[in-house]
């Protein structure tokens, strides 16, 4: 099952985005960064790729600098 993954520089930004997306009704889950990806903080935020626009909008609204957004198939 595909999952969108947001990578962060800091865990603080992960928590900020997770809270904001929760307010918008977008389900997320904090996960360890998958091995095939790298992250400064070692944690990532998983979400349903159908909510990509909401995730991008929340990142922009909060002015969070991420390491990127990607998709994995497991």
Protein backbone atom coordinates (compact mmCIF):
# COMPACT_ATOMS: atom_id res chain seq x y z
CA UNK A 1 0.00 0.00 0.00
CA UNK A 2 1.52 3.35 -1.01
CA UNK A 3 2.26 5.89 1.72
CA UNK A 4 3.31 9.48 1.45
CA UNK A 5 6.30 10.31 3.63
CA UNK A 6 7.43 13.73 4.83
CA UNK A 7 11.07 13.99 5.94
CA UNK A 8 12.12 16.63 8.46
CA UNK A 9 15.20 18.43 9.72
CA UNK A 10 13.79 18.51 13.28
CA UNK A 11 11.31 16.49 15.30
CA UNK A 12 9.73 19.79 16.39
CA UNK A 13 8.59 20.43 12.81
CA UNK A 14 7.17 16.91 12.56
CA UNK A 15 5.04 17.52 15.65
CA UNK A 16 3.87 20.91 14.34
CA UNK A 17 2.77 19.42 11.02
CA UNK A 18 1.16 16.41 12.68
CA UNK A 19 -0.93 18.69 14.90
CA UNK A 20 -1.98 20.93 12.01
CA UNK A 21 -2.99 18.02 9.80
CA UNK A 22 -4.96 16.54 12.71
CA UNK A 23 -6.97 19.77 12.88
CA UNK A 24 -7.70 19.36 9.17
CA UNK A 25 -8.84 15.76 9.64
CA UNK A 26 -5.87 14.25 7.79
CA UNK A 27 -4.71 11.03 9.41
CA UNK A 28 -0.93 10.78 9.90
CA UNK A 29 1.49 8.58 11.75
CA UNK A 30 4.96 9.38 13.03
CA UNK A 31 7.31 6.59 11.96
CA UNK A 32 11.03 5.88 12.00
CA UNK A 33 12.55 7.11 8.75
CA UNK A 34 12.57 4.19 6.28
CA UNK A 35 16.06 2.80 5.62
CA UNK A 36 16.00 3.77 1.96
CA UNK A 37 15.47 7.41 2.91
CA UNK A 38 17.53 9.70 5.10
CA UNK A 39 16.45 12.27 7.66
CA UNK A 40 18.25 14.57 10.06
CA UNK A 41 15.84 13.83 12.88
CA UNK A 42 15.38 10.08 12.25
CA UNK A 43 11.59 10.35 12.19
CA UNK A 44 9.15 10.89 9.36
CA UNK A 45 5.43 11.50 9.00
CA UNK A 46 3.39 9.00 6.98
CA UNK A 47 0.09 9.90 5.34
CA UNK A 48 -2.31 8.70 2.65
CA UNK A 49 -1.04 10.05 -0.71
CA UNK A 50 -4.62 11.14 -1.50
CA UNK A 51 -4.04 13.99 0.99
CA UNK A 52 -0.87 15.29 -0.67
CA UNK A 53 -2.36 18.71 -1.47
CA UNK A 54 -3.48 19.19 2.16
CA UNK A 55 -0.03 18.16 3.40
CA UNK A 56 1.72 20.59 1.04
CA UNK A 57 -0.71 23.36 2.03
CA UNK A 58 -0.08 22.81 5.74
CA UNK A 59 3.69 22.79 5.21
CA UNK A 60 3.45 26.09 3.36
CA UNK A 61 1.10 27.65 5.91
CA UNK A 62 3.39 26.69 8.80
CA UNK A 63 6.51 27.70 6.83
CA UNK A 64 8.16 24.37 7.65
CA UNK A 65 11.35 23.54 5.83
CA UNK A 66 11.27 19.81 5.12
CA UNK A 67 13.84 17.47 3.61
CA UNK A 68 11.16 16.54 1.10
CA UNK A 69 8.04 14.56 0.45
CA UNK A 70 8.21 11.15 -1.17
CA UNK A 71 6.12 8.03 -1.62
CA UNK A 72 6.96 4.45 -0.76
CA UNK A 73 5.04 1.35 -1.75
CA UNK A 74 5.21 -0.64 1.49
